[in-house]
């Protein structure tokens, strides 16, 4: 597995894991990589420096604290969504469409969607957000 910093055409930077460089190249060529912030599919590798374990300066000053704060914020958002939105599971794409087109009552929902489903929703102009999955704590 390899981690790349990616940048979309609008300048948003995000990380993504790939099996290898060839997997990244295939996915970017097919337009299968979406910016999690704006949904843009035109992405490219962003310059990045390797992080070496135990290497002084491998973590930017304040980086550990910023990462912990970001993860805490993401968890707070996720908890709010789980308490206040309707969970529709794998039916998320269909239910988002039904709401968007006025076939179901307007309400906040959350659930699961494939990358292909997310792209199709984006192409239809249906607004949604993407949250990273929870990290496993049992490994």
N, C-alpha and C. Protein backbone atom coordinates (compact mmCIF):
# COMPACT_ATOMS: atom_id res chain seq x y z
N UNK A 1 0.85 -1.18 0.00
CA UNK A 1 0.00 0.00 0.00
C UNK A 1 0.89 1.23 0.00
N UNK A 2 0.37 2.29 -0.66
CA UNK A 2 1.11 3.54 -0.74
C UNK A 2 0.14 4.69 -0.52
N UNK A 3 0.60 5.70 0.20
CA UNK A 3 -0.20 6.87 0.51
C UNK A 3 0.27 8.04 -0.34
N UNK A 4 -0.67 8.68 -1.05
CA UNK A 4 -0.33 9.85 -1.84
C UNK A 4 -1.11 11.05 -1.32
N UNK A 5 -0.48 12.21 -1.33
CA UNK A 5 -1.18 13.47 -1.17
C UNK A 5 -1.66 13.85 -2.55
N UNK A 6 -2.95 14.14 -2.67
CA UNK A 6 -3.52 14.50 -3.95
C UNK A 6 -4.07 15.93 -3.87
N UNK A 7 -4.12 16.58 -5.02
CA UNK A 7 -4.65 17.95 -5.10
C UNK A 7 -5.63 17.99 -6.27
N UNK A 8 -6.82 18.54 -6.01
CA UNK A 8 -7.80 18.66 -7.09
C UNK A 8 -7.54 19.96 -7.86
N UNK A 9 -8.26 20.14 -8.94
CA UNK A 9 -8.10 21.31 -9.80
C UNK A 9 -8.43 22.61 -9.06
N UNK A 10 -9.22 22.51 -7.97
CA UNK A 10 -9.58 23.71 -7.19
C UNK A 10 -8.59 23.96 -6.05
N UNK A 11 -7.55 23.12 -5.93
CA UNK A 11 -6.51 23.33 -4.95
C UNK A 11 -6.71 22.62 -3.62
N UNK A 12 -7.77 21.83 -3.47
CA UNK A 12 -7.98 21.09 -2.23
C UNK A 12 -6.99 19.93 -2.15
N UNK A 13 -6.34 19.75 -1.02
CA UNK A 13 -5.36 18.69 -0.84
C UNK A 13 -5.96 17.63 0.08
N UNK A 14 -5.80 16.36 -0.28
CA UNK A 14 -6.29 15.26 0.53
C UNK A 14 -5.40 14.05 0.33
N UNK A 15 -5.52 13.08 1.22
CA UNK A 15 -4.70 11.87 1.15
C UNK A 15 -5.54 10.71 0.62
N UNK A 16 -4.89 9.76 -0.05
CA UNK A 16 -5.56 8.55 -0.51
C UNK A 16 -4.56 7.41 -0.56
N UNK A 17 -5.03 6.22 -0.18
CA UNK A 17 -4.20 5.01 -0.21
C UNK A 17 -4.47 4.24 -1.50
N UNK A 18 -3.42 3.64 -2.03
CA UNK A 18 -3.51 2.83 -3.24
C UNK A 18 -2.67 1.57 -3.07
N UNK A 19 -3.04 0.53 -3.80
CA UNK A 19 -2.27 -0.72 -3.76
C UNK A 19 -0.84 -0.46 -4.20
N UNK A 20 -0.68 0.32 -5.26
CA UNK A 20 0.64 0.68 -5.78
C UNK A 20 0.47 1.88 -6.71
N UNK A 21 1.55 2.36 -7.29
CA UNK A 21 1.49 3.51 -8.19
C UNK A 21 0.64 3.22 -9.42
N UNK A 22 0.70 1.99 -9.92
CA UNK A 22 -0.09 1.62 -11.10
C UNK A 22 -1.59 1.71 -10.80
N UNK A 23 -2.00 1.31 -9.59
CA UNK A 23 -3.41 1.41 -9.21
C UNK A 23 -3.86 2.87 -9.20
N UNK A 24 -3.01 3.75 -8.67
CA UNK A 24 -3.32 5.18 -8.69
C UNK A 24 -3.51 5.65 -10.14
N UNK A 25 -2.56 5.30 -11.01
CA UNK A 25 -2.62 5.75 -12.41
C UNK A 25 -3.89 5.27 -13.10
N UNK A 26 -4.28 4.01 -12.86
CA UNK A 26 -5.50 3.47 -13.47
C UNK A 26 -6.73 4.24 -12.98
N UNK A 27 -6.80 4.46 -11.68
CA UNK A 27 -7.98 5.12 -11.12
C UNK A 27 -8.08 6.57 -11.56
N UNK A 28 -6.97 7.28 -11.60
CA UNK A 28 -7.03 8.69 -12.01
C UNK A 28 -7.38 8.78 -13.49
N UNK A 29 -6.87 7.87 -14.32
CA UNK A 29 -7.18 7.86 -15.75
C UNK A 29 -8.67 7.62 -15.99
N UNK A 30 -9.29 6.77 -15.15
CA UNK A 30 -10.71 6.45 -15.30
C UNK A 30 -11.62 7.48 -14.62
N UNK A 31 -11.02 8.47 -13.95
CA UNK A 31 -11.82 9.48 -13.25
C UNK A 31 -12.51 8.93 -12.02
N UNK A 32 -11.90 7.92 -11.38
CA UNK A 32 -12.51 7.27 -10.23
C UNK A 32 -12.13 7.90 -8.90
N UNK A 33 -11.29 8.90 -8.93
CA UNK A 33 -10.86 9.55 -7.69
C UNK A 33 -11.57 10.90 -7.60
N UNK A 34 -12.31 11.10 -6.52
CA UNK A 34 -13.05 12.34 -6.31
C UNK A 34 -12.46 13.11 -5.14
N UNK A 35 -12.40 14.42 -5.28
CA UNK A 35 -12.01 15.28 -4.17
C UNK A 35 -13.11 15.19 -3.11
N UNK A 36 -12.77 14.87 -1.86
CA UNK A 36 -13.80 14.76 -0.83
C UNK A 36 -14.43 16.09 -0.46
N UNK A 37 -13.78 17.20 -0.82
CA UNK A 37 -14.33 18.51 -0.47
C UNK A 37 -15.28 19.05 -1.52
N UNK A 38 -14.93 18.92 -2.80
CA UNK A 38 -15.77 19.53 -3.85
C UNK A 38 -16.27 18.53 -4.88
N UNK A 39 -15.80 17.29 -4.84
CA UNK A 39 -16.26 16.28 -5.79
C UNK A 39 -15.55 16.30 -7.14
N UNK A 40 -14.58 17.19 -7.30
CA UNK A 40 -13.86 17.26 -8.57
C UNK A 40 -13.13 15.95 -8.83
N UNK A 41 -13.12 15.51 -10.10
CA UNK A 41 -12.42 14.27 -10.41
C UNK A 41 -11.08 14.52 -11.08
N UNK A 42 -10.77 15.76 -11.40
CA UNK A 42 -9.47 16.08 -11.97
C UNK A 42 -8.50 16.28 -10.80
N UNK A 43 -7.71 15.25 -10.54
CA UNK A 43 -6.77 15.28 -9.42
C UNK A 43 -5.38 14.88 -9.90
N UNK A 44 -4.40 15.29 -9.14
CA UNK A 44 -3.01 14.95 -9.45
C UNK A 44 -2.26 14.79 -8.13
N UNK A 45 -1.14 14.10 -8.20
CA UNK A 45 -0.31 13.96 -7.01
C UNK A 45 0.21 15.33 -6.61
N UNK A 46 0.20 15.56 -5.31
CA UNK A 46 0.71 16.81 -4.76
C UNK A 46 2.12 16.53 -4.24
N UNK A 47 3.03 17.48 -4.35
CA UNK A 47 4.37 17.23 -3.81
C UNK A 47 4.28 16.86 -2.34
N UNK A 48 5.05 15.86 -1.96
CA UNK A 48 5.06 15.44 -0.56
C UNK A 48 6.44 14.94 -0.19
N UNK A 49 6.77 15.13 1.06
CA UNK A 49 8.05 14.65 1.57
C UNK A 49 7.81 13.35 2.32
N UNK A 50 8.68 12.37 2.18
CA UNK A 50 8.48 11.12 2.91
C UNK A 50 8.66 11.34 4.41
N UNK A 51 7.88 10.59 5.19
CA UNK A 51 8.02 10.64 6.64
C UNK A 51 8.72 9.36 7.08
N UNK A 52 9.84 9.51 7.73
CA UNK A 52 10.60 8.37 8.19
C UNK A 52 10.43 8.21 9.68
N UNK A 53 10.12 6.99 10.12
CA UNK A 53 9.91 6.74 11.53
C UNK A 53 11.15 7.10 12.32
N UNK A 54 10.95 7.82 13.40
CA UNK A 54 12.05 8.18 14.28
C UNK A 54 12.91 9.32 13.75
N UNK A 55 12.64 9.80 12.57
CA UNK A 55 13.42 10.88 11.99
C UNK A 55 13.01 12.21 12.61
N UNK A 56 13.96 12.96 13.19
CA UNK A 56 13.60 14.26 13.74
C UNK A 56 13.01 15.14 12.64
N UNK A 57 11.91 15.78 12.96
CA UNK A 57 11.28 16.64 11.98
C UNK A 57 10.36 15.89 11.04
N UNK A 58 10.17 14.58 11.24
CA UNK A 58 9.28 13.82 10.38
C UNK A 58 7.85 14.32 10.52
N UNK A 59 7.51 14.84 11.67
CA UNK A 59 6.19 15.42 11.91
C UNK A 59 6.35 16.92 11.98
N UNK A 60 5.55 17.64 11.22
CA UNK A 60 5.63 19.10 11.24
C UNK A 60 5.31 19.62 12.64
N UNK A 61 5.89 20.75 13.02
CA UNK A 61 5.59 21.31 14.35
C UNK A 61 4.09 21.48 14.54
N UNK A 62 3.59 20.94 15.64
CA UNK A 62 2.16 21.03 15.93
C UNK A 62 1.31 20.06 15.13
N UNK A 63 1.94 19.25 14.30
CA UNK A 63 1.19 18.34 13.43
C UNK A 63 0.38 17.31 14.19
N UNK A 64 0.95 16.74 15.24
CA UNK A 64 0.25 15.72 16.03
C UNK A 64 -0.98 16.35 16.68
N UNK A 65 -0.82 17.55 17.23
CA UNK A 65 -1.94 18.22 17.88
C UNK A 65 -3.03 18.59 16.87
N UNK A 66 -2.62 19.08 15.69
CA UNK A 66 -3.60 19.45 14.66
C UNK A 66 -4.36 18.22 14.19
N UNK A 67 -3.64 17.12 14.01
CA UNK A 67 -4.29 15.88 13.57
C UNK A 67 -5.29 15.40 14.63
N UNK A 68 -4.90 15.43 15.89
CA UNK A 68 -5.79 14.99 16.97
C UNK A 68 -7.03 15.88 17.03
N UNK A 69 -6.85 17.19 16.86
CA UNK A 69 -7.99 18.12 16.87
C UNK A 69 -8.92 17.86 15.69
N UNK A 70 -8.34 17.61 14.52
CA UNK A 70 -9.15 17.32 13.33
C UNK A 70 -9.95 16.04 13.52
N UNK A 71 -9.32 15.00 14.04
CA UNK A 71 -10.02 13.73 14.27
C UNK A 71 -11.14 13.91 15.29
N UNK A 72 -10.90 14.71 16.31
CA UNK A 72 -11.93 14.97 17.33
C UNK A 72 -13.11 15.71 16.70
N UNK A 73 -12.83 16.66 15.82
CA UNK A 73 -13.89 17.40 15.14
C UNK A 73 -14.69 16.49 14.23
N UNK A 74 -14.01 15.63 13.48
CA UNK A 74 -14.70 14.69 12.60
C UNK A 74 -15.61 13.77 13.41
N UNK A 75 -15.13 13.30 14.55
CA UNK A 75 -15.94 12.43 15.41
C UNK A 75 -17.17 13.17 15.93
N UNK A 76 -17.00 14.45 16.30
CA UNK A 76 -18.14 15.25 16.79
C UNK A 76 -19.18 15.41 15.69
N UNK A 77 -18.73 15.68 14.46
CA UNK A 77 -19.66 15.81 13.33
C UNK A 77 -20.37 14.48 13.10
N UNK A 78 -19.61 13.40 13.09
CA UNK A 78 -20.20 12.07 12.88
C UNK A 78 -21.24 11.77 13.96
N UNK A 79 -20.92 12.05 15.23
CA UNK A 79 -21.86 11.80 16.32
C UNK A 79 -23.13 12.62 16.15
N UNK A 80 -22.99 13.88 15.74
CA UNK A 80 -24.16 14.73 15.51
C UNK A 80 -25.04 14.14 14.40
N UNK A 81 -24.42 13.72 13.33
CA UNK A 81 -25.17 13.14 12.21
C UNK A 81 -25.89 11.88 12.66
N UNK A 82 -25.22 11.00 13.37
CA UNK A 82 -25.83 9.75 13.80
C UNK A 82 -26.99 9.97 14.77
N UNK A 83 -26.93 11.06 15.56
CA UNK A 83 -28.01 11.35 16.50
C UNK A 83 -29.20 12.05 15.83
N UNK A 84 -28.95 12.81 14.78
CA UNK A 84 -29.97 13.69 14.23
C UNK A 84 -30.44 13.40 12.82
N UNK A 85 -29.75 12.53 12.09
CA UNK A 85 -30.12 12.23 10.71
C UNK A 85 -30.70 10.82 10.63
N UNK A 86 -31.48 10.56 9.58
CA UNK A 86 -32.02 9.22 9.35
C UNK A 86 -30.98 8.36 8.66
N UNK A 87 -30.69 7.18 9.22
CA UNK A 87 -29.75 6.26 8.60
C UNK A 87 -30.50 5.43 7.56
N UNK A 88 -30.05 5.52 6.30
CA UNK A 88 -30.70 4.78 5.22
C UNK A 88 -29.79 3.70 4.63
N UNK A 89 -28.61 3.53 5.22
CA UNK A 89 -27.70 2.46 4.81
C UNK A 89 -27.33 2.50 3.34
N UNK A 90 -27.37 1.33 2.71
CA UNK A 90 -26.97 1.20 1.31
C UNK A 90 -27.98 1.85 0.36
N UNK A 91 -29.13 2.25 0.89
CA UNK A 91 -30.15 2.91 0.06
C UNK A 91 -29.89 4.40 -0.08
N UNK A 92 -28.73 4.87 0.44
CA UNK A 92 -28.44 6.31 0.41
C UNK A 92 -28.58 6.94 -0.97
N UNK A 93 -27.95 6.40 -2.03
CA UNK A 93 -28.07 7.06 -3.34
C UNK A 93 -29.53 7.18 -3.81
N UNK A 94 -30.30 6.11 -3.66
CA UNK A 94 -31.68 6.13 -4.11
C UNK A 94 -32.51 7.11 -3.29
N UNK A 95 -32.32 7.10 -1.98
CA UNK A 95 -33.10 7.99 -1.12
C UNK A 95 -32.71 9.45 -1.33
N UNK A 96 -31.42 9.72 -1.55
CA UNK A 96 -30.98 11.09 -1.85
C UNK A 96 -31.65 11.59 -3.13
N UNK A 97 -31.75 10.73 -4.12
CA UNK A 97 -32.43 11.11 -5.37
C UNK A 97 -33.91 11.38 -5.13
N UNK A 98 -34.56 10.49 -4.37
CA UNK A 98 -35.99 10.65 -4.10
C UNK A 98 -36.25 11.98 -3.39
N UNK A 99 -35.42 12.33 -2.45
CA UNK A 99 -35.57 13.60 -1.74
C UNK A 99 -35.31 14.76 -2.70
N UNK A 100 -34.24 14.67 -3.46
CA UNK A 100 -33.87 15.74 -4.38
C UNK A 100 -34.97 16.02 -5.41
N UNK A 101 -35.58 14.98 -5.91
CA UNK A 101 -36.61 15.13 -6.94
C UNK A 101 -38.02 15.26 -6.37
N UNK A 102 -38.14 15.41 -5.05
CA UNK A 102 -39.44 15.65 -4.43
C UNK A 102 -40.33 14.43 -4.31
N UNK A 103 -39.74 13.23 -4.42
CA UNK A 103 -40.52 12.00 -4.33
C UNK A 103 -40.59 11.47 -2.90
N UNK A 104 -39.80 12.06 -2.00
CA UNK A 104 -39.81 11.69 -0.59
C UNK A 104 -39.70 12.98 0.21
N UNK A 105 -40.17 12.95 1.46
CA UNK A 105 -40.13 14.17 2.27
C UNK A 105 -38.68 14.60 2.50
N UNK A 106 -38.49 15.90 2.51
CA UNK A 106 -37.14 16.45 2.70
C UNK A 106 -36.71 16.23 4.14
N UNK A 107 -35.54 15.62 4.30
CA UNK A 107 -34.97 15.38 5.62
C UNK A 107 -33.49 15.09 5.46
N UNK A 108 -32.78 15.15 6.56
CA UNK A 108 -31.35 14.84 6.54
C UNK A 108 -31.17 13.34 6.67
N UNK A 109 -30.33 12.79 5.80
CA UNK A 109 -30.08 11.35 5.80
C UNK A 109 -28.58 11.10 5.77
N UNK A 110 -28.20 9.88 6.15
CA UNK A 110 -26.82 9.43 5.96
C UNK A 110 -26.85 7.95 5.67
N UNK A 111 -25.77 7.48 5.05
CA UNK A 111 -25.68 6.07 4.70
C UNK A 111 -24.43 5.80 3.90
N UNK A 112 -24.48 4.79 3.07
CA UNK A 112 -23.31 4.34 2.33
C UNK A 112 -23.53 4.52 0.83
N UNK A 113 -22.43 4.83 0.14
CA UNK A 113 -22.47 4.94 -1.31
C UNK A 113 -21.11 4.54 -1.86
N UNK A 114 -21.12 3.94 -3.02
CA UNK A 114 -19.86 3.62 -3.68
C UNK A 114 -19.31 4.90 -4.31
N UNK A 115 -18.07 4.87 -4.73
CA UNK A 115 -17.47 6.00 -5.42
C UNK A 115 -18.26 6.32 -6.68
N UNK A 116 -18.69 5.28 -7.39
CA UNK A 116 -19.49 5.47 -8.61
C UNK A 116 -20.82 6.15 -8.28
N UNK A 117 -21.49 5.70 -7.21
CA UNK A 117 -22.75 6.32 -6.79
C UNK A 117 -22.53 7.79 -6.44
N UNK A 118 -21.46 8.06 -5.71
CA UNK A 118 -21.16 9.44 -5.31
C UNK A 118 -20.94 10.32 -6.53
N UNK A 119 -20.21 9.81 -7.49
CA UNK A 119 -19.96 10.59 -8.70
C UNK A 119 -21.27 10.87 -9.44
N UNK A 120 -22.13 9.87 -9.55
CA UNK A 120 -23.40 10.05 -10.25
C UNK A 120 -24.28 11.07 -9.53
N UNK A 121 -24.33 11.03 -8.20
CA UNK A 121 -25.08 12.02 -7.44
C UNK A 121 -24.53 13.42 -7.70
N UNK A 122 -23.21 13.53 -7.68
CA UNK A 122 -22.56 14.81 -7.96
C UNK A 122 -22.93 15.32 -9.35
N UNK A 123 -22.87 14.44 -10.34
CA UNK A 123 -23.20 14.81 -11.72
C UNK A 123 -24.65 15.28 -11.86
N UNK A 124 -25.54 14.73 -11.02
CA UNK A 124 -26.96 15.12 -11.06
C UNK A 124 -27.21 16.41 -10.27
N UNK A 125 -26.18 16.92 -9.61
CA UNK A 125 -26.35 18.15 -8.83
C UNK A 125 -26.96 17.92 -7.47
N UNK A 126 -26.88 16.71 -6.99
CA UNK A 126 -27.43 16.37 -5.68
C UNK A 126 -26.34 16.57 -4.64
N UNK A 127 -26.57 17.49 -3.71
CA UNK A 127 -25.56 17.80 -2.70
C UNK A 127 -25.46 16.73 -1.62
N UNK A 128 -24.25 16.45 -1.21
CA UNK A 128 -23.99 15.49 -0.14
C UNK A 128 -22.58 15.74 0.37
N UNK A 129 -22.25 15.17 1.50
CA UNK A 129 -20.90 15.27 2.04
C UNK A 129 -20.33 13.89 2.26
N UNK A 130 -19.02 13.84 2.38
CA UNK A 130 -18.33 12.57 2.60
C UNK A 130 -17.51 12.70 3.87
N UNK A 131 -17.69 11.75 4.77
CA UNK A 131 -16.87 11.67 5.97
C UNK A 131 -15.99 10.44 5.89
N UNK A 132 -14.75 10.55 6.36
CA UNK A 132 -13.91 9.34 6.39
C UNK A 132 -14.52 8.31 7.34
N UNK A 133 -14.29 7.07 7.02
CA UNK A 133 -14.79 6.00 7.89
C UNK A 133 -14.08 6.06 9.23
N UNK A 134 -14.74 5.52 10.24
CA UNK A 134 -14.13 5.44 11.56
C UNK A 134 -12.92 4.52 11.50
N UNK A 135 -11.90 4.86 12.23
CA UNK A 135 -10.73 3.99 12.31
C UNK A 135 -11.05 2.80 13.20
N UNK A 136 -10.58 1.65 12.76
CA UNK A 136 -10.77 0.45 13.59
C UNK A 136 -9.86 0.57 14.80
N UNK A 137 -10.41 0.19 15.95
CA UNK A 137 -9.61 0.24 17.17
C UNK A 137 -9.33 -1.14 17.73
N UNK A 138 -9.74 -2.18 16.97
CA UNK A 138 -9.56 -3.54 17.46
C UNK A 138 -8.43 -4.28 16.78
N UNK A 139 -7.58 -3.55 16.04
CA UNK A 139 -6.50 -4.24 15.33
C UNK A 139 -5.22 -4.19 16.10
